[in-house]
Amino acid sequence: MYEILVRIIKEMKFQKKKQKDLTNFLGIGETSFGSWKSGQSSSYKKYLHAIAQYLDVSVEYLKGETDIKKPPI
């Protein structure tokens, strides 16, 4: 599993958010998330900004470029 996806899943668990809620927020089917997890699709990359917004973290954090979830304002 790619670093980005690992961070997405880890952050969702930390925030106690459900897969269904994320896919609803993104306007995609739940099967898409399953395809991401199984490695059949990497389409999550085009949703990175929206996923970061949903999880209230930076895109850089999701990419593994930093361990700071959200830079201070």
PDB file of N, CA and C in Angstrom:
ATOM      1  N   MET A   1       0.860  -1.173   0.000  1.00  0.00           N
ATOM      2  CA  MET A   1       0.000   0.000   0.000  1.00  0.00           C
ATOM      3  C   MET A   1       0.904   1.232   0.000  1.00  0.00           C
ATOM      4  N   TYR A   2       0.531   2.209  -0.753  1.00  0.00           N
ATOM      5  CA  TYR A   2       1.325   3.415  -0.887  1.00  0.00           C
ATOM      6  C   TYR A   2       1.252   4.276   0.369  1.00  0.00           C
ATOM      7  N   GLU A   3       2.323   5.026   0.609  1.00  0.00           N
ATOM      8  CA  GLU A   3       2.424   5.902   1.783  1.00  0.00           C
ATOM      9  C   GLU A   3       1.213   6.827   1.907  1.00  0.00           C
ATOM     10  N   ILE A   4       0.783   7.381   0.796  1.00  0.00           N
ATOM     11  CA  ILE A   4      -0.356   8.306   0.827  1.00  0.00           C
ATOM     12  C   ILE A   4      -1.582   7.602   1.383  1.00  0.00           C
ATOM     13  N   LEU A   5      -1.871   6.443   0.869  1.00  0.00           N
ATOM     14  CA  LEU A   5      -3.049   5.697   1.296  1.00  0.00           C
ATOM     15  C   LEU A   5      -2.932   5.255   2.749  1.00  0.00           C
ATOM     16  N   VAL A   6      -1.735   4.861   3.153  1.00  0.00           N
ATOM     17  CA  VAL A   6      -1.513   4.477   4.549  1.00  0.00           C
ATOM     18  C   VAL A   6      -1.843   5.661   5.462  1.00  0.00           C
ATOM     19  N   ARG A   7      -1.385   6.847   5.083  1.00  0.00           N
ATOM     20  CA  ARG A   7      -1.657   8.034   5.908  1.00  0.00           C
ATOM     21  C   ARG A   7      -3.142   8.392   5.913  1.00  0.00           C
ATOM     22  N   ILE A   8      -3.793   8.246   4.789  1.00  0.00           N
ATOM     23  CA  ILE A   8      -5.228   8.538   4.725  1.00  0.00           C
ATOM     24  C   ILE A   8      -5.972   7.608   5.689  1.00  0.00           C
ATOM     25  N   ILE A   9      -5.697   6.320   5.599  1.00  0.00           N
ATOM     26  CA  ILE A   9      -6.379   5.330   6.433  1.00  0.00           C
ATOM     27  C   ILE A   9      -6.053   5.553   7.915  1.00  0.00           C
ATOM     28  N   LYS A  10      -4.786   5.806   8.209  1.00  0.00           N
ATOM     29  CA  LYS A  10      -4.370   6.048   9.591  1.00  0.00           C
ATOM     30  C   LYS A  10      -5.080   7.280  10.170  1.00  0.00           C
ATOM     31  N   GLU A  11      -5.153   8.341   9.395  1.00  0.00           N
ATOM     32  CA  GLU A  11      -5.795   9.566   9.873  1.00  0.00           C
ATOM     33  C   GLU A  11      -7.301   9.371  10.029  1.00  0.00           C
ATOM     34  N   MET A  12      -7.907   8.631   9.135  1.00  0.00           N
ATOM     35  CA  MET A  12      -9.336   8.350   9.260  1.00  0.00           C
ATOM     36  C   MET A  12      -9.615   7.568  10.539  1.00  0.00           C
ATOM     37  N   LYS A  13      -8.776   6.582  10.842  1.00  0.00           N
ATOM     38  CA  LYS A  13      -8.949   5.816  12.080  1.00  0.00           C
ATOM     39  C   LYS A  13      -8.761   6.713  13.293  1.00  0.00           C
ATOM     40  N   PHE A  14      -7.738   7.562  13.264  1.00  0.00           N
ATOM     41  CA  PHE A  14      -7.459   8.478  14.367  1.00  0.00           C
ATOM     42  C   PHE A  14      -8.651   9.400  14.627  1.00  0.00           C
ATOM     43  N   GLN A  15      -9.259   9.889  13.543  1.00  0.00           N
ATOM     44  CA  GLN A  15     -10.392  10.813  13.665  1.00  0.00           C
ATOM     45  C   GLN A  15     -11.732  10.083  13.776  1.00  0.00           C
ATOM     46  N   LYS A  16     -11.682   8.768  13.727  1.00  0.00           N
ATOM     47  CA  LYS A  16     -12.887   7.935  13.798  1.00  0.00           C
ATOM     48  C   LYS A  16     -13.883   8.285  12.687  1.00  0.00           C
ATOM     49  N   LYS A  17     -13.345   8.473  11.491  1.00  0.00           N
ATOM     50  CA  LYS A  17     -14.173   8.758  10.319  1.00  0.00           C
ATOM     51  C   LYS A  17     -14.309   7.485   9.504  1.00  0.00           C
ATOM     52  N   LYS A  18     -15.444   7.345   8.882  1.00  0.00           N
ATOM     53  CA  LYS A  18     -15.749   6.128   8.139  1.00  0.00           C
ATOM     54  C   LYS A  18     -15.492   6.301   6.651  1.00  0.00           C
ATOM     55  N   GLN A  19     -15.153   5.188   6.037  1.00  0.00           N
ATOM     56  CA  GLN A  19     -14.917   5.147   4.598  1.00  0.00           C
ATOM     57  C   GLN A  19     -16.109   5.721   3.840  1.00  0.00           C
ATOM     58  N   LYS A  20     -17.299   5.350   4.267  1.00  0.00           N
ATOM     59  CA  LYS A  20     -18.528   5.800   3.611  1.00  0.00           C
ATOM     60  C   LYS A  20     -18.649   7.326   3.635  1.00  0.00           C
ATOM     61  N   ASP A  21     -18.261   7.925   4.754  1.00  0.00           N
ATOM     62  CA  ASP A  21     -18.362   9.380   4.874  1.00  0.00           C
ATOM     63  C   ASP A  21     -17.380  10.081   3.940  1.00  0.00           C
ATOM     64  N   LEU A  22     -16.174   9.529   3.818  1.00  0.00           N
ATOM     65  CA  LEU A  22     -15.195  10.112   2.899  1.00  0.00           C
ATOM     66  C   LEU A  22     -15.665   9.983   1.457  1.00  0.00           C
ATOM     67  N   THR A  23     -16.135   8.805   1.079  1.00  0.00           N
ATOM     68  CA  THR A  23     -16.574   8.628  -0.312  1.00  0.00           C
ATOM     69  C   THR A  23     -17.792   9.502  -0.621  1.00  0.00           C
ATOM     70  N   ASN A  24     -18.678   9.684   0.346  1.00  0.00           N
ATOM     71  CA  ASN A  24     -19.806  10.603   0.140  1.00  0.00           C
ATOM     72  C   ASN A  24     -19.314  12.031  -0.050  1.00  0.00           C
ATOM     73  N   PHE A  25     -18.342  12.440   0.770  1.00  0.00           N
ATOM     74  CA  PHE A  25     -17.766  13.778   0.662  1.00  0.00           C
ATOM     75  C   PHE A  25     -17.144  13.988  -0.715  1.00  0.00           C
ATOM     76  N   LEU A  26     -16.480  12.947  -1.230  1.00  0.00           N
ATOM     77  CA  LEU A  26     -15.817  13.046  -2.527  1.00  0.00           C
ATOM     78  C   LEU A  26     -16.784  12.859  -3.694  1.00  0.00           C
ATOM     79  N   GLY A  27     -17.971  12.334  -3.413  1.00  0.00           N
ATOM     80  CA  GLY A  27     -18.948  12.095  -4.469  1.00  0.00           C
ATOM     81  C   GLY A  27     -18.600  10.882  -5.322  1.00  0.00           C
ATOM     82  N   ILE A  28     -17.995   9.886  -4.688  1.00  0.00           N
ATOM     83  CA  ILE A  28     -17.623   8.663  -5.410  1.00  0.00           C
ATOM     84  C   ILE A  28     -18.224   7.456  -4.693  1.00  0.00           C
ATOM     85  N   GLY A  29     -18.227   6.319  -5.352  1.00  0.00           N
ATOM     86  CA  GLY A  29     -18.766   5.101  -4.760  1.00  0.00           C
ATOM     87  C   GLY A  29     -17.802   4.489  -3.758  1.00  0.00           C
ATOM     88  N   GLU A  30     -18.347   3.767  -2.800  1.00  0.00           N
ATOM     89  CA  GLU A  30     -17.523   3.105  -1.783  1.00  0.00           C
ATOM     90  C   GLU A  30     -16.582   2.072  -2.396  1.00  0.00           C
ATOM     91  N   THR A  31     -16.959   1.512  -3.529  1.00  0.00           N
ATOM     92  CA  THR A  31     -16.095   0.515  -4.170  1.00  0.00           C
ATOM     93  C   THR A  31     -14.775   1.137  -4.621  1.00  0.00           C
ATOM     94  N   SER A  32     -14.781   2.443  -4.881  1.00  0.00           N
ATOM     95  CA  SER A  32     -13.542   3.126  -5.266  1.00  0.00           C
ATOM     96  C   SER A  32     -12.517   3.028  -4.150  1.00  0.00           C
ATOM     97  N   PHE A  33     -12.959   3.225  -2.920  1.00  0.00           N
ATOM     98  CA  PHE A  33     -12.047   3.146  -1.779  1.00  0.00           C
ATOM     99  C   PHE A  33     -11.485   1.733  -1.650  1.00  0.00           C
ATOM    100  N   GLY A  34     -12.323   0.755  -1.870  1.00  0.00           N
ATOM    101  CA  GLY A  34     -11.869  -0.631  -1.840  1.00  0.00           C
ATOM    102  C   GLY A  34     -10.824  -0.903  -2.908  1.00  0.00           C
ATOM    103  N   SER A  35     -11.004  -0.313  -4.071  1.00  0.00           N
ATOM    104  CA  SER A  35     -10.022  -0.453  -5.155  1.00  0.00           C
ATOM    105  C   SER A  35      -8.699   0.205  -4.792  1.00  0.00           C
ATOM    106  N   TRP A  36      -8.769   1.311  -4.077  1.00  0.00           N
ATOM    107  CA  TRP A  36      -7.541   1.976  -3.615  1.00  0.00           C
ATOM    108  C   TRP A  36      -6.796   1.066  -2.656  1.00  0.00           C
ATOM    109  N   LYS A  37      -7.535   0.523  -1.680  1.00  0.00           N
ATOM    110  CA  LYS A  37      -6.913  -0.314  -0.651  1.00  0.00           C
ATOM    111  C   LYS A  37      -6.310  -1.587  -1.232  1.00  0.00           C
ATOM    112  N   SER A  38      -6.950  -2.132  -2.242  1.00  0.00           N
ATOM    113  CA  SER A  38      -6.455  -3.384  -2.830  1.00  0.00           C
ATOM    114  C   SER A  38      -5.350  -3.140  -3.854  1.00  0.00           C
ATOM    115  N   GLY A  39      -5.089  -1.887  -4.178  1.00  0.00           N
ATOM    116  CA  GLY A  39      -4.048  -1.566  -5.146  1.00  0.00           C
ATOM    117  C   GLY A  39      -4.505  -1.621  -6.581  1.00  0.00           C
ATOM    118  N   GLN A  40      -5.797  -1.833  -6.807  1.00  0.00           N
ATOM    119  CA  GLN A  40      -6.322  -1.904  -8.168  1.00  0.00           C
ATOM    120  C   GLN A  40      -6.420  -0.533  -8.822  1.00  0.00           C
ATOM    121  N   SER A  41      -6.439   0.513  -8.002  1.00  0.00           N
ATOM    122  CA  SER A  41      -6.575   1.865  -8.532  1.00  0.00           C
ATOM    123  C   SER A  41      -5.780   2.840  -7.671  1.00  0.00           C
ATOM    124  N   SER A  42      -5.223   3.834  -8.323  1.00  0.00           N
ATOM    125  CA  SER A  42      -4.549   4.900  -7.585  1.00  0.00           C
ATOM    126  C   SER A  42      -5.232   6.235  -7.878  1.00  0.00           C
ATOM    127  N   SER A  43      -6.511   6.165  -8.202  1.00  0.00           N
ATOM    128  CA  SER A  43      -7.263   7.379  -8.530  1.00  0.00           C
ATOM    129  C   SER A  43      -7.398   8.324  -7.342  1.00  0.00           C
ATOM    130  N   TYR A  44      -7.067   7.827  -6.125  1.00  0.00           N
ATOM    131  CA  TYR A  44      -7.121   8.691  -4.953  1.00  0.00           C
ATOM    132  C   TYR A  44      -6.207   9.902  -5.107  1.00  0.00           C
ATOM    133  N   LYS A  45      -5.187   9.782  -5.942  1.00  0.00           N
ATOM    134  CA  LYS A  45      -4.230  10.878  -6.130  1.00  0.00           C
ATOM    135  C   LYS A  45      -4.920  12.135  -6.652  1.00  0.00           C
ATOM    136  N   LYS A  46      -5.927  11.970  -7.485  1.00  0.00           N
ATOM    137  CA  LYS A  46      -6.602  13.152  -8.013  1.00  0.00           C
ATOM    138  C   LYS A  46      -7.552  13.784  -6.991  1.00  0.00           C
ATOM    139  N   TYR A  47      -7.784  13.102  -5.894  1.00  0.00           N
ATOM    140  CA  TYR A  47      -8.656  13.623  -4.829  1.00  0.00           C
ATOM    141  C   TYR A  47      -7.864  14.113  -3.614  1.00  0.00           C
ATOM    142  N   LEU A  48      -6.540  14.184  -3.725  1.00  0.00           N
ATOM    143  CA  LEU A  48      -5.713  14.507  -2.565  1.00  0.00           C
ATOM    144  C   LEU A  48      -6.103  15.815  -1.882  1.00  0.00           C
ATOM    145  N   HIS A  49      -6.356  16.848  -2.648  1.00  0.00           N
ATOM    146  CA  HIS A  49      -6.711  18.136  -2.044  1.00  0.00           C
ATOM    147  C   HIS A  49      -8.034  18.037  -1.287  1.00  0.00           C
ATOM    148  N   ALA A  50      -8.999  17.353  -1.875  1.00  0.00           N
ATOM    149  CA  ALA A  50     -10.299  17.191  -1.214  1.00  0.00           C
ATOM    150  C   ALA A  50     -10.183  16.297   0.023  1.00  0.00           C
ATOM    151  N   ILE A  51      -9.379  15.246  -0.073  1.00  0.00           N
ATOM    152  CA  ILE A  51      -9.187  14.356   1.077  1.00  0.00           C
ATOM    153  C   ILE A  51      -8.494  15.111   2.206  1.00  0.00           C
ATOM    154  N   ALA A  52      -7.482  15.904   1.862  1.00  0.00           N
ATOM    155  CA  ALA A  52      -6.788  16.712   2.867  1.00  0.00           C
ATOM    156  C   ALA A  52      -7.760  17.686   3.532  1.00  0.00           C
ATOM    157  N   GLN A  53      -8.621  18.276   2.745  1.00  0.00           N
ATOM    158  CA  GLN A  53      -9.636  19.194   3.287  1.00  0.00           C
ATOM    159  C   GLN A  53     -10.565  18.439   4.243  1.00  0.00           C
ATOM    160  N   TYR A  54     -11.034  17.277   3.829  1.00  0.00           N
ATOM    161  CA  TYR A  54     -11.944  16.485   4.645  1.00  0.00           C
ATOM    162  C   TYR A  54     -11.309  16.093   5.980  1.00  0.00           C
ATOM    163  N   LEU A  55     -10.036  15.726   5.927  1.00  0.00           N
ATOM    164  CA  LEU A  55      -9.337  15.282   7.131  1.00  0.00           C
ATOM    165  C   LEU A  55      -8.676  16.442   7.896  1.00  0.00           C
ATOM    166  N   ASP A  56      -8.739  17.638   7.328  1.00  0.00           N
ATOM    167  CA  ASP A  56      -8.145  18.832   7.920  1.00  0.00           C
ATOM    168  C   ASP A  56      -6.643  18.653   8.159  1.00  0.00           C
ATOM    169  N   VAL A  57      -5.973  18.155   7.131  1.00  0.00           N
ATOM    170  CA  VAL A  57      -4.523  18.009   7.138  1.00  0.00           C
ATOM    171  C   VAL A  57      -3.993  18.578   5.823  1.00  0.00           C
ATOM    172  N   SER A  58      -2.684  18.726   5.725  1.00  0.00           N
ATOM    173  CA  SER A  58      -2.096  19.234   4.489  1.00  0.00           C
ATOM    174  C   SER A  58      -1.878  18.099   3.486  1.00  0.00           C
ATOM    175  N   VAL A  59      -1.832  18.473   2.228  1.00  0.00           N
ATOM    176  CA  VAL A  59      -1.524  17.510   1.175  1.00  0.00           C
ATOM    177  C   VAL A  59      -0.115  16.974   1.385  1.00  0.00           C
ATOM    178  N   GLU A  60       0.795  17.837   1.823  1.00  0.00           N
ATOM    179  CA  GLU A  60       2.176  17.431   2.071  1.00  0.00           C
ATOM    180  C   GLU A  60       2.243  16.345   3.151  1.00  0.00           C
ATOM    181  N   TYR A  61       1.389  16.458   4.153  1.00  0.00           N
ATOM    182  CA  TYR A  61       1.327  15.425   5.190  1.00  0.00           C
ATOM    183  C   TYR A  61       0.868  14.097   4.582  1.00  0.00           C
ATOM    184  N   LEU A  62      -0.175  14.140   3.771  1.00  0.00           N
ATOM    185  CA  LEU A  62      -0.674  12.902   3.160  1.00  0.00           C
ATOM    186  C   LEU A  62       0.376  12.268   2.254  1.00  0.00           C
ATOM    187  N   LYS A  63       1.169  13.092   1.583  1.00  0.00           N
ATOM    188  CA  LYS A  63       2.203  12.582   0.689  1.00  0.00           C
ATOM    189  C   LYS A  63       3.415  12.044   1.444  1.00  0.00           C
ATOM    190  N   GLY A  64       3.489  12.311   2.747  1.00  0.00           N
ATOM    191  CA  GLY A  64       4.628  11.864   3.526  1.00  0.00           C
ATOM    192  C   GLY A  64       5.811  12.803   3.445  1.00  0.00           C
ATOM    193  N   GLU A  65       5.582  14.009   2.952  1.00  0.00           N
ATOM    194  CA  GLU A  65       6.660  14.993   2.829  1.00  0.00           C
ATOM    195  C   GLU A  65       6.958  15.682   4.154  1.00  0.00           C
ATOM    196  N   THR A  66       6.029  15.593   5.099  1.00  0.00           N
ATOM    197  CA  THR A  66       6.194  16.169   6.425  1.00  0.00           C
ATOM    198  C   THR A  66       5.379  15.347   7.419  1.00  0.00           C
ATOM    199  N   ASP A  67       5.766  15.414   8.673  1.00  0.00           N
ATOM    200  CA  ASP A  67       4.981  14.754   9.715  1.00  0.00           C
ATOM    201  C   ASP A  67       4.073  15.745  10.431  1.00  0.00           C
ATOM    202  N   ILE A  68       4.114  16.997   9.999  1.00  0.00           N
ATOM    203  CA  ILE A  68       3.251  18.030  10.565  1.00  0.00           C
ATOM    204  C   ILE A  68       1.922  17.959   9.813  1.00  0.00           C
ATOM    205  N   LYS A  69       0.865  17.643  10.528  1.00  0.00           N
ATOM    206  CA  LYS A  69      -0.432  17.436   9.880  1.00  0.00           C
ATOM    207  C   LYS A  69      -0.944  18.693   9.196  1.00  0.00           C
ATOM    208  N   LYS A  70      -0.769  19.824   9.867  1.00  0.00           N
ATOM    209  CA  LYS A  70      -1.254  21.076   9.295  1.00  0.00           C
ATOM    210  C   LYS A  70      -0.333  22.193   9.801  1.00  0.00           C
ATOM    211  N   PRO A  71       0.264  22.946   8.877  1.00  0.00           N
ATOM    212  CA  PRO A  71       1.158  23.998   9.337  1.00  0.00           C
ATOM    213  C   PRO A  71       0.404  25.071  10.114  1.00  0.00           C
ATOM    214  N   PRO A  72       1.081  25.679  11.089  1.00  0.00           N
ATOM    215  CA  PRO A  72       0.408  26.741  11.848  1.00  0.00           C
ATOM    216  C   PRO A  72       0.105  27.935  10.975  1.00  0.00           C
ATOM    217  N   ILE A  73      -0.938  28.631  11.332  1.00  0.00           N
ATOM    218  CA  ILE A  73      -1.363  29.797  10.541  1.00  0.00           C
ATOM    219  C   ILE A  73      -0.575  31.022  10.960  1.00  0.00           C
TER     220      ILE A  73
END
